[in-house]
Amino acid sequence: MRNSLDIAKEPSATRVVVAMSGGVDSSVVAAMLAREGYDVVGITLQLYDHGAATHRKGACCAGQDIHDARRVADTIGIPHYVLDYESRFRQAVIETFADSYLSGETPIPCVECNRSIKFRDLLETARDLGADVLATGHYVASRALPDGRRALHRAADPDRDQSYFLYATTQAQLELLRFPLGELPDKAATRALARELGLAIAEKADSQDICFVPQGRYSDVIAKLKPNAIAPGAIVHVDGRVLGRHEGIVHYTVGQRRGLGLATGEPLYVVALDAEGARVIVGPREALATRRLRLRETNWLGDVPLASIGEGGLEVAARVRSTRAPRPALLRMVDGEPEIELAVAEDGVSPGQACVLYESDDPRARVLGGGTIARRLVDGAPRAHSAALA
């Protein structure tokens, strides 16, 4: 007989480490499992110097959040530990984030945090504590496959689904991870559970910003970390015209329209960022359209080996932004690299973002994996817009 976490043990004999951020979601997970009789241990990660963040609403893993996690643990009667992962977080996430922005990319630090901190380092800590599984408050579903492996699926609530940020979870990690909120219909159900469980944080607001980026000002963080690395340069039209100057490509993202400081009489968008030439390349909206892209740092969770996918390709659904739905696409292996051909062109596809692959565009589809967008392609070659991108 398997318990609710799909472990062949009685709940009381099943140790579960819960990653407790201090928010409603992870607190409900800990309280639910404790009520079911599991041997629950709560762990909160201190990821950065939270002195300046404690006065900011919605800060993740900051002082107030640590306090809230500890209070929840006391309420439900489980042991709780705070682990200082600040140096690991700075090296694996913050430094990588800054370097990626300086190279002209638009990174997603939450993906790297899940990959390098939560599902690598924290999972290892959970093993050291004798845990059978690590449970989190993410909205994603884990289901057993007929062969005994586990698969990752989109959450029941499409508005809360976090599978885009968890595509880098490996098969080995999936075996030890559980996501109890993945089958809940919506966040209202989670808050109702929090009230039922007597948790004081039932109405706590969700965090909105990246935890180490105050008020979403990415350039401020990069300027502090790499003060001599931000170089001014030219703003160049895709037809080669120099339209103006900028104070650093880190102030721009692909797809941006506002804040360009250009008076040209036509709506212009950031089409690409040339880090080597310190150029911001702009153009009309149609210049943003992308049908083909290459991936790097790919994580594959499909049943057939990625290398075995032939020239005919594999039909998948691809998601190129967290705010967009998966859409039909074709996955091929070209020169040993995954190449994605989108059935319908997408605007604002940026290197550094994730492209997540699903079995289909069904709301509960299985996650097949994904990777970091390395570059956009046209007819199999790196995208070029006249002399501006030469």
Protein backbone atom coordinates (compact mmCIF):
# COMPACT_ATOMS: atom_id res chain seq x y z
CA MET A 1 0.00 0.00 0.00
CA ARG A 2 1.43 3.33 -1.07
CA ASN A 3 0.77 6.54 0.81
CA SER A 4 -0.45 9.84 -0.64
CA LEU A 5 3.12 10.71 -1.68
CA ASP A 6 3.40 7.45 -3.61
CA ILE A 7 5.86 5.95 -1.14
CA ALA A 8 5.48 2.35 0.06
CA LYS A 9 5.51 3.32 3.74
CA GLU A 10 3.14 4.46 6.42
CA PRO A 11 3.04 8.29 6.59
CA SER A 12 4.54 8.22 10.09
CA ALA A 13 7.55 6.31 8.74
CA THR A 14 7.99 8.66 5.76
CA ARG A 15 10.27 11.63 6.33
CA VAL A 16 9.43 14.65 4.20
CA VAL A 17 11.56 17.78 4.00
CA VAL A 18 9.42 20.75 2.97
CA ALA A 19 11.05 23.80 1.41
CA MET A 20 9.31 26.58 3.36
CA SER A 21 9.64 30.06 1.85
CA GLY A 22 7.33 31.68 4.38
CA GLY A 23 4.56 32.07 1.82
CA VAL A 24 1.09 30.58 1.75
CA ASP A 25 1.84 27.78 -0.72
CA SER A 26 4.76 26.05 0.99
CA SER A 27 3.18 26.62 4.41
CA VAL A 28 0.03 24.79 3.30
CA VAL A 29 2.14 21.91 1.97
CA ALA A 30 3.91 21.53 5.31
CA ALA A 31 0.67 21.75 7.29
CA MET A 32 -1.19 19.31 5.00
CA LEU A 33 1.52 16.68 5.28
CA ALA A 34 1.87 17.14 9.04
CA ARG A 35 -1.89 16.66 9.42
CA GLU A 36 -1.67 13.43 7.40
CA GLY A 37 0.88 12.12 9.90
CA TYR A 38 4.10 12.41 7.91
CA ASP A 39 7.43 13.01 9.62
CA VAL A 40 7.81 16.59 8.35
CA VAL A 41 10.92 18.77 8.62
CA GLY A 42 10.73 22.38 7.44
CA ILE A 43 13.73 24.10 5.85
CA THR A 44 13.95 27.75 4.90
CA LEU A 45 16.81 29.05 2.80
CA GLN A 46 18.38 32.42 3.47
CA LEU A 47 19.44 33.29 -0.04
CA TYR A 48 20.72 36.83 0.21
CA ASP A 49 21.41 39.67 2.65
CA HIS A 50 17.86 40.52 3.59
CA GLY A 51 18.56 43.70 5.56
CA ALA A 52 17.36 46.00 2.80
CA ALA A 53 14.55 43.73 1.72
CA THR A 54 12.69 43.40 5.00
CA HIS A 55 10.91 46.69 4.35
CA ARG A 56 9.82 45.63 0.87
CA LYS A 57 6.46 43.97 0.38
CA GLY A 58 6.68 40.58 -1.30
CA ALA A 59 10.37 39.85 -0.74
CA CYS A 60 11.21 36.16 -1.06
CA CYS A 61 13.26 34.47 1.65
CA ALA A 62 13.80 37.82 3.40
CA GLY A 63 13.62 38.44 7.15
CA GLN A 64 9.85 38.54 7.42
CA ASP A 65 9.51 35.39 5.35
CA ILE A 66 11.92 33.50 7.59
CA HIS A 67 9.92 34.67 10.59
CA ASP A 68 6.64 33.57 8.95
CA ALA A 69 8.03 30.14 8.09
CA ARG A 70 9.24 29.64 11.65
CA ARG A 71 5.86 30.70 13.02
CA VAL A 72 4.03 28.22 10.76
CA ALA A 73 6.39 25.44 11.84
CA ASP A 74 5.66 26.24 15.49
CA THR A 75 1.92 26.26 14.80
CA ILE A 76 1.89 22.81 13.20
CA GLY A 77 4.52 21.36 15.55
CA ILE A 78 7.36 20.42 13.20
CA PRO A 79 11.13 21.06 13.45
CA HIS A 80 12.32 24.00 11.36
CA TYR A 81 15.80 24.97 10.21
CA VAL A 82 17.17 28.03 8.44
CA LEU A 83 20.11 27.30 6.16
CA ASP A 84 22.50 30.01 4.98
CA TYR A 85 22.79 29.47 1.21
CA GLU A 86 23.72 33.08 0.52
CA SER A 87 27.16 32.43 -1.00
CA ARG A 88 25.84 29.56 -3.14
CA PHE A 89 22.93 31.70 -4.32
CA ARG A 90 25.16 34.63 -5.18
CA GLN A 91 27.51 32.50 -7.24
CA ALA A 92 24.99 30.23 -8.97
CA VAL A 93 22.12 32.68 -9.50
CA ILE A 94 22.96 36.36 -9.03
CA GLU A 95 26.37 36.33 -10.74
CA THR A 96 25.01 34.20 -13.59
CA PHE A 97 22.06 36.59 -13.94
CA ALA A 98 24.37 39.61 -14.22
CA ASP A 99 26.71 37.95 -16.71
CA SER A 100 23.77 36.87 -18.87
CA TYR A 101 22.33 40.40 -18.99
CA LEU A 102 25.73 41.84 -19.88
CA SER A 103 26.00 39.38 -22.77
CA GLY A 104 22.76 40.71 -24.25
CA GLU A 105 20.45 37.99 -22.95
CA THR A 106 17.27 38.12 -20.86
CA PRO A 107 17.81 35.45 -18.19
CA ILE A 108 15.30 33.81 -15.86
CA PRO A 109 16.96 33.55 -12.43
CA CYS A 110 14.08 31.49 -11.00
CA VAL A 111 14.98 28.65 -13.39
CA GLU A 112 18.60 28.70 -12.25
CA CYS A 113 17.57 28.91 -8.59
CA ASN A 114 15.40 25.82 -8.96
CA ARG A 115 18.10 23.99 -10.93
CA SER A 116 21.15 24.88 -8.84
CA ILE A 117 19.90 25.68 -5.36
CA LYS A 118 16.55 24.07 -4.56
CA PHE A 119 16.68 20.90 -6.62
CA ARG A 120 20.41 20.27 -6.35
CA ASP A 121 21.82 21.64 -3.10
CA LEU A 122 18.63 21.51 -1.02
CA LEU A 123 17.77 18.07 -2.34
CA GLU A 124 21.19 16.88 -1.21
CA THR A 125 20.54 18.36 2.24
CA ALA A 126 17.21 16.52 2.34
CA ARG A 127 19.00 13.26 1.60
CA ASP A 128 21.47 14.00 4.41
CA LEU A 129 18.49 14.37 6.76
CA GLY A 130 17.22 10.95 5.76
CA ALA A 131 14.24 12.28 3.82
CA ASP A 132 12.26 10.04 1.51
CA VAL A 133 11.11 13.05 -0.51
CA LEU A 134 11.45 16.83 -0.79
CA ALA A 135 8.11 18.62 -1.11
CA THR A 136 7.61 22.18 -2.37
CA GLY A 137 4.74 24.60 -2.88
CA HIS A 138 5.16 24.81 -6.65
CA TYR A 139 2.09 24.55 -8.84
CA VAL A 140 3.09 21.63 -11.04
CA ALA A 141 2.10 17.96 -11.02
CA SER A 142 4.25 14.86 -10.63
CA ARG A 143 2.76 11.55 -11.71
CA ALA A 144 4.02 7.98 -11.81
CA LEU A 145 4.64 6.40 -15.21
CA PRO A 146 3.90 2.72 -15.94
CA ASP A 147 7.62 1.89 -15.79
CA GLY A 148 7.95 3.35 -12.29
CA ARG A 149 9.58 6.64 -13.30
CA ARG A 150 7.86 9.92 -12.61
CA ALA A 151 6.71 12.54 -15.10
CA LEU A 152 6.17 16.28 -14.76
CA HIS A 153 2.82 17.71 -15.86
CA ARG A 154 1.21 21.13 -16.01
CA ALA A 155 -0.77 22.10 -12.92
CA ALA A 156 -4.55 21.90 -12.71
CA ASP A 157 -4.75 25.70 -12.46
CA PRO A 158 -3.41 27.12 -15.75
CA ASP A 159 -3.08 30.58 -14.22
CA ARG A 160 -0.74 29.28 -11.49
CA ASP A 161 1.10 26.62 -13.50
CA GLN A 162 4.86 26.87 -12.86
CA SER A 163 6.07 24.13 -15.17
CA TYR A 164 7.84 26.75 -17.31
CA PHE A 165 10.20 27.45 -14.42
CA LEU A 166 10.76 23.79 -13.55
CA TYR A 167 11.63 22.29 -16.94
CA ALA A 168 15.28 21.86 -15.86
CA THR A 169 14.31 19.34 -13.17
CA THR A 170 16.13 16.11 -14.01
CA GLN A 171 14.64 12.63 -14.07
CA ALA A 172 16.68 11.63 -11.01
CA GLN A 173 15.43 14.69 -9.10
CA LEU A 174 11.81 13.98 -10.05
CA GLU A 175 11.96 10.65 -8.28
CA LEU A 176 12.55 12.49 -4.96
CA LEU A 177 10.32 15.52 -5.49
CA ARG A 178 6.64 15.98 -4.71
CA PHE A 179 4.32 18.90 -5.50
CA PRO A 180 1.13 18.49 -3.45
CA LEU A 181 -0.53 21.66 -4.79
CA GLY A 182 -0.37 20.65 -8.44
CA GLU A 183 -3.85 19.13 -8.45
CA LEU A 184 -5.63 21.97 -6.61
CA PRO A 185 -8.08 23.93 -8.80
CA ASP A 186 -6.84 27.44 -7.95
CA LYS A 187 -5.10 29.66 -5.39
CA ALA A 188 -8.41 30.27 -3.63
CA ALA A 189 -8.43 26.58 -2.70
CA THR A 190 -4.93 26.92 -1.27
CA ARG A 191 -5.92 29.89 0.87
CA ALA A 192 -9.04 28.05 2.03
CA LEU A 193 -6.81 25.19 3.16
CA ALA A 194 -4.53 27.64 4.96
CA ARG A 195 -7.50 29.00 6.91
CA GLU A 196 -8.77 25.49 7.64
CA LEU A 197 -5.31 24.54 8.93
CA GLY A 198 -5.21 27.59 11.18
CA LEU A 199 -2.26 29.30 9.49
CA ALA A 200 -1.83 32.98 10.30
CA ILE A 201 -0.36 33.68 6.85
CA ALA A 202 -3.51 32.54 4.99
CA GLU A 203 -4.05 36.00 3.46
CA LYS A 204 -0.38 36.87 2.89
CA ALA A 205 0.23 38.46 -0.50
CA ASP A 206 2.11 36.57 -3.19
CA SER A 207 5.64 37.75 -4.01
CA GLN A 208 5.82 39.54 -7.34
CA ASP A 209 9.42 40.51 -8.03
CA ILE A 210 12.57 38.48 -8.44
CA CYS A 211 13.67 38.16 -4.83
CA PHE A 212 17.04 39.90 -5.16
CA VAL A 213 15.87 42.64 -7.56
CA PRO A 214 14.23 45.51 -5.64
CA GLN A 215 11.22 46.87 -7.52
CA GLY A 216 12.21 45.04 -10.69
CA ARG A 217 15.21 47.28 -11.46
CA TYR A 218 17.54 44.72 -13.00
CA SER A 219 20.05 47.31 -14.17
CA ASP A 220 20.59 48.58 -10.61
CA VAL A 221 21.64 45.10 -9.46
CA ILE A 222 23.98 44.65 -12.41
CA ALA A 223 25.53 48.10 -11.93
CA LYS A 224 26.25 47.23 -8.31
CA LEU A 225 27.76 43.83 -9.14
CA LYS A 226 29.64 44.83 -12.30
CA PRO A 227 30.13 48.62 -12.10
CA ASN A 228 32.73 48.76 -14.87
CA ALA A 229 31.04 46.38 -17.26
CA ILE A 230 28.15 48.56 -18.48
CA ALA A 231 29.24 50.30 -21.66
CA PRO A 232 27.38 53.00 -23.64
CA GLY A 233 26.82 52.54 -27.35
CA ALA A 234 24.65 53.17 -30.36
CA ILE A 235 20.96 52.53 -30.98
CA VAL A 236 20.84 51.16 -34.52
CA HIS A 237 17.87 50.58 -36.83
CA VAL A 238 17.72 47.20 -38.56
CA ASP A 239 18.33 49.04 -41.84
CA GLY A 240 21.69 50.25 -40.53
CA ARG A 241 20.82 53.82 -39.50
CA VAL A 242 22.22 55.07 -36.19
CA LEU A 243 19.26 56.61 -34.37
CA GLY A 244 20.74 57.53 -31.01
CA ARG A 245 22.85 56.54 -28.03
CA HIS A 246 22.26 54.39 -24.98
CA GLU A 247 23.95 54.04 -21.57
CA GLY A 248 24.19 50.25 -21.56
CA ILE A 249 22.38 47.31 -23.14
CA VAL A 250 21.37 46.09 -19.68
CA HIS A 251 18.69 48.81 -19.69
CA TYR A 252 16.88 47.10 -22.59
CA THR A 253 15.14 43.83 -23.35
CA VAL A 254 14.03 42.28 -26.64
CA GLY A 255 10.47 43.33 -27.44
CA GLN A 256 10.69 46.58 -25.45
CA ARG A 257 8.93 49.58 -26.99
CA ARG A 258 8.70 52.21 -24.27
CA GLY A 259 11.65 54.15 -22.93
CA LEU A 260 13.76 54.08 -26.09
CA GLY A 261 14.08 57.87 -26.19
CA LEU A 262 13.71 57.98 -29.98
CA ALA A 263 11.59 60.38 -32.00
CA THR A 264 11.33 58.71 -35.40
CA GLY A 265 7.63 58.98 -36.21
CA GLU A 266 7.24 55.19 -36.29
CA PRO A 267 6.76 52.67 -33.47
CA LEU A 268 10.05 50.88 -32.86
CA TYR A 269 10.88 47.84 -30.76
CA VAL A 270 14.11 46.38 -29.44
CA VAL A 271 14.85 43.57 -31.90
CA ALA A 272 18.24 42.39 -30.63
CA LEU A 273 21.05 43.29 -28.24
CA ASP A 274 24.60 43.17 -29.58
CA ALA A 275 26.81 42.90 -26.49
CA GLU A 276 30.09 42.69 -28.39
CA GLY A 277 29.35 45.87 -30.34
CA ALA A 278 27.44 47.55 -27.46
CA ARG A 279 24.50 48.11 -29.81
CA VAL A 280 20.77 48.16 -29.20
CA ILE A 281 19.10 47.16 -32.46
CA VAL A 282 15.57 48.39 -33.08
CA GLY A 283 13.02 47.92 -35.80
CA PRO A 284 9.32 47.57 -36.64
CA ARG A 285 7.17 45.00 -34.89
CA GLU A 286 7.42 42.53 -37.77
CA ALA A 287 11.19 42.33 -37.20
CA LEU A 288 10.45 40.62 -33.87
CA ALA A 289 8.74 37.61 -35.47
CA THR A 290 10.59 34.34 -34.93
CA ARG A 291 9.79 30.91 -36.35
CA ARG A 292 13.02 29.00 -35.62
CA LEU A 293 15.37 28.91 -32.65
CA ARG A 294 18.20 26.86 -31.20
CA LEU A 295 18.52 25.70 -27.60
CA ARG A 296 21.43 25.10 -25.25
CA GLU A 297 21.66 23.57 -21.76
CA THR A 298 18.82 21.26 -22.67
CA ASN A 299 17.12 19.03 -20.12
CA TRP A 300 15.17 16.15 -21.64
CA LEU A 301 12.43 14.20 -19.84
CA GLY A 302 10.90 12.43 -22.85
CA ASP A 303 10.64 8.68 -23.31
CA VAL A 304 12.82 8.50 -26.42
CA PRO A 305 16.43 9.75 -26.30
CA LEU A 306 16.82 13.27 -27.62
CA ALA A 307 19.68 12.20 -29.91
CA SER A 308 17.42 9.61 -31.58
CA ILE A 309 14.97 12.18 -32.94
CA GLY A 310 15.38 11.99 -36.71
CA GLU A 311 15.14 14.52 -39.50
CA GLY A 312 11.37 14.21 -39.51
CA GLY A 313 11.37 15.70 -36.04
CA LEU A 314 9.02 15.26 -33.11
CA GLU A 315 5.75 17.14 -32.80
CA VAL A 316 5.64 19.04 -29.52
CA ALA A 317 4.13 22.17 -28.01
CA ALA A 318 6.62 24.94 -27.26
CA ARG A 319 6.35 27.73 -24.72
CA VAL A 320 8.77 30.63 -25.24
CA ARG A 321 7.54 32.90 -22.43
CA SER A 322 6.06 32.12 -19.03
CA THR A 323 3.04 34.31 -19.86
CA ARG A 324 2.27 32.54 -23.15
CA ALA A 325 0.51 29.26 -23.75
CA PRO A 326 2.32 26.30 -25.33
CA ARG A 327 1.85 26.26 -29.10
CA PRO A 328 2.43 23.55 -31.73
CA ALA A 329 6.04 23.18 -32.85
CA LEU A 330 8.48 20.69 -34.32
CA LEU A 331 11.62 19.58 -32.49
CA ARG A 332 14.62 18.49 -34.56
CA MET A 333 18.25 17.73 -33.79
CA VAL A 334 20.51 19.77 -36.08
CA ASP A 335 24.29 19.46 -35.78
CA GLY A 336 23.77 17.90 -32.37
CA GLU A 337 21.68 20.85 -31.12
CA PRO A 338 17.92 20.99 -30.50
CA GLU A 339 16.19 23.23 -33.02
CA ILE A 340 12.57 24.34 -32.63
CA GLU A 341 10.35 25.28 -35.55
CA LEU A 342 7.22 27.10 -34.37
CA ALA A 343 4.00 26.54 -36.29
CA VAL A 344 3.13 30.21 -35.78
CA ALA A 345 5.76 32.92 -35.41
CA GLU A 346 6.24 34.40 -31.94
CA ASP A 347 7.20 38.00 -31.14
CA GLY A 348 9.86 39.02 -28.66
CA VAL A 349 11.73 35.72 -28.46
CA SER A 350 14.92 36.52 -26.59
CA PRO A 351 18.17 34.62 -26.04
CA GLY A 352 18.50 33.71 -22.38
CA GLN A 353 14.80 32.97 -21.96
CA ALA A 354 13.55 29.40 -21.70
CA CYS A 355 11.81 27.37 -24.34
CA VAL A 356 9.83 24.64 -22.60
CA LEU A 357 8.53 21.63 -24.52
CA TYR A 358 5.34 19.71 -23.81
CA GLU A 359 3.74 16.60 -25.33
CA SER A 360 0.86 18.75 -26.56
CA ASP A 361 -0.92 22.03 -25.90
CA ASP A 362 -3.37 20.26 -23.58
CA PRO A 363 -3.85 22.14 -20.26
CA ARG A 364 -2.50 19.14 -18.29
CA ALA A 365 0.18 18.09 -20.77
CA ARG A 366 3.36 16.32 -19.77
CA VAL A 367 6.59 18.33 -19.72
CA LEU A 368 9.17 16.86 -22.12
CA GLY A 369 11.93 19.22 -21.07
CA GLY A 370 13.37 22.38 -22.56
CA GLY A 371 16.41 24.57 -22.71
CA THR A 372 17.79 28.08 -22.80
CA ILE A 373 17.17 29.94 -26.05
CA ALA A 374 20.63 30.34 -27.57
CA ARG A 375 19.68 32.21 -30.72
CA ARG A 376 16.95 32.90 -33.22
CA LEU A 377 17.25 31.50 -36.73
CA VAL A 378 16.07 32.27 -40.24
CA ASP A 379 16.33 29.41 -42.76
CA GLY A 380 18.69 27.62 -40.39
CA ALA A 381 21.14 30.52 -40.02
CA PRO A 382 21.61 33.09 -37.24
CA ARG A 383 19.11 35.88 -37.69
CA ALA A 384 20.51 38.95 -39.43
CA HIS A 385 18.79 42.24 -40.11
CA SER A 386 20.86 43.87 -42.86
CA ALA A 387 24.16 45.48 -41.96
CA ALA A 388 22.99 46.38 -38.47
CA LEU A 389 23.49 42.82 -37.26
CA ALA A 390 26.46 41.95 -39.43
